[in-house]
Amino acid sequence: MAPLRPSTDVRPVTEFRANASAVLEQMHSTKRPVILTQHGRSAAVLLDVSVYEGLLDEIALLRDLRVSEDQIAAGQVVSHDEVARRMRDKWAL
């Protein structure tokens, strides 16, 4: 995700309502999020769909890594040789 530029990426929700197409086009072309404010406070974040999907994929990968690290710490591991033996046995390699 591209770094946020507060001068162009933070917009009041009233400006978004008035210029939704232009704000969405900026978000799609820059791949940067747009932060909408209401009464001077952040209220919502708009993300390009591909950026959002990438974030979801990254979160899933990080969760898998955390599970793997927990399994390693708990000694729930199988050696490479054992995996190779199991594969040979299963698929008659």
Protein backbone atom coordinates (compact mmCIF):
# COMPACT_ATOMS: atom_id res chain seq x y z
CA MET A 1 0.00 0.00 0.00
CA ALA A 2 1.35 3.41 -0.96
CA PRO A 3 2.08 5.84 1.88
CA LEU A 4 -0.69 8.17 2.92
CA ARG A 5 -0.44 11.83 1.91
CA PRO A 6 -2.50 13.87 4.37
CA SER A 7 -2.61 16.89 2.05
CA THR A 8 -4.57 14.96 -0.59
CA ASP A 9 -5.77 11.76 1.06
CA VAL A 10 -7.72 13.16 4.01
CA ARG A 11 -11.08 14.57 2.97
CA PRO A 12 -14.23 15.73 4.75
CA VAL A 13 -17.20 13.45 4.15
CA THR A 14 -19.11 16.44 2.71
CA GLU A 15 -16.42 16.83 0.03
CA PHE A 16 -16.66 13.11 -0.71
CA ARG A 17 -20.43 13.36 -1.13
CA ALA A 18 -20.02 16.26 -3.53
CA ASN A 19 -17.14 14.70 -5.51
CA ALA A 20 -17.45 10.93 -4.97
CA SER A 21 -16.36 9.99 -8.50
CA ALA A 22 -13.24 12.14 -8.38
CA VAL A 23 -12.25 10.87 -4.93
CA LEU A 24 -12.76 7.26 -6.00
CA GLU A 25 -10.73 7.84 -9.17
CA GLN A 26 -7.88 9.30 -7.09
CA MET A 27 -8.01 6.31 -4.76
CA HIS A 28 -7.95 3.82 -7.66
CA SER A 29 -5.17 5.59 -9.56
CA THR A 30 -2.85 6.20 -6.57
CA LYS A 31 -3.66 2.97 -4.68
CA ARG A 32 -3.53 5.09 -1.52
CA PRO A 33 -6.34 5.01 1.03
CA VAL A 34 -8.60 8.02 1.44
CA ILE A 35 -9.54 8.95 4.99
CA LEU A 36 -12.91 10.60 5.39
CA THR A 37 -13.44 12.95 8.29
CA GLN A 38 -16.63 14.03 9.97
CA HIS A 39 -16.69 16.96 12.38
CA GLY A 40 -12.89 17.12 12.14
CA ARG A 41 -12.32 13.51 13.21
CA SER A 42 -11.54 10.44 11.15
CA ALA A 43 -14.73 8.54 10.32
CA ALA A 44 -13.92 6.04 7.57
CA VAL A 45 -11.17 4.73 5.31
CA LEU A 46 -11.71 4.01 1.63
CA LEU A 47 -9.43 1.42 0.03
CA ASP A 48 -9.04 0.25 -3.53
CA VAL A 49 -10.43 -3.30 -3.79
CA SER A 50 -7.11 -4.79 -4.93
CA VAL A 51 -5.31 -3.12 -2.01
CA TYR A 52 -7.95 -4.43 0.39
CA GLU A 53 -7.66 -7.97 -1.00
CA GLY A 54 -3.88 -7.76 -0.70
CA LEU A 55 -4.19 -6.77 2.95
CA LEU A 56 -6.53 -9.71 3.61
CA ASP A 57 -4.06 -12.09 1.94
CA GLU A 58 -1.20 -10.66 4.01
CA ILE A 59 -3.18 -11.03 7.24
CA ALA A 60 -4.00 -14.65 6.38
CA LEU A 61 -0.32 -15.39 5.71
CA LEU A 62 0.76 -13.77 8.98
CA ARG A 63 -1.84 -15.81 10.88
CA ASP A 64 -0.54 -19.00 9.25
CA LEU A 65 3.00 -18.06 10.25
CA ARG A 66 1.91 -17.47 13.83
CA VAL A 67 0.24 -20.90 13.96
CA SER A 68 3.39 -22.47 12.47
CA GLU A 69 5.63 -20.77 15.02
CA ASP A 70 3.36 -21.95 17.85
CA GLN A 71 3.48 -25.51 16.49
CA ILE A 72 7.28 -25.40 16.27
CA ALA A 73 7.51 -24.06 19.83
CA ALA A 74 5.24 -26.89 21.01
CA GLY A 75 7.43 -29.48 19.30
CA GLN A 76 4.77 -30.38 16.74
CA VAL A 77 7.24 -30.85 13.92
CA VAL A 78 8.10 -33.56 11.43
CA SER A 79 11.57 -33.86 9.96
CA HIS A 80 12.19 -33.52 6.25
CA ASP A 81 13.30 -37.15 6.08
CA GLU A 82 10.07 -38.31 7.71
CA VAL A 83 7.94 -36.27 5.29
CA ALA A 84 9.87 -37.68 2.35
CA ARG A 85 9.38 -41.23 3.66
CA ARG A 86 5.64 -40.69 4.12
CA MET A 87 5.33 -39.32 0.59
CA ARG A 88 7.22 -42.26 -0.88
CA ASP A 89 5.02 -44.69 1.06
CA LYS A 90 1.78 -42.93 0.12
CA TRP A 91 2.51 -42.46 -3.57
CA ALA A 92 4.89 -45.35 -4.10
CA LEU A 93 7.68 -43.08 -5.28
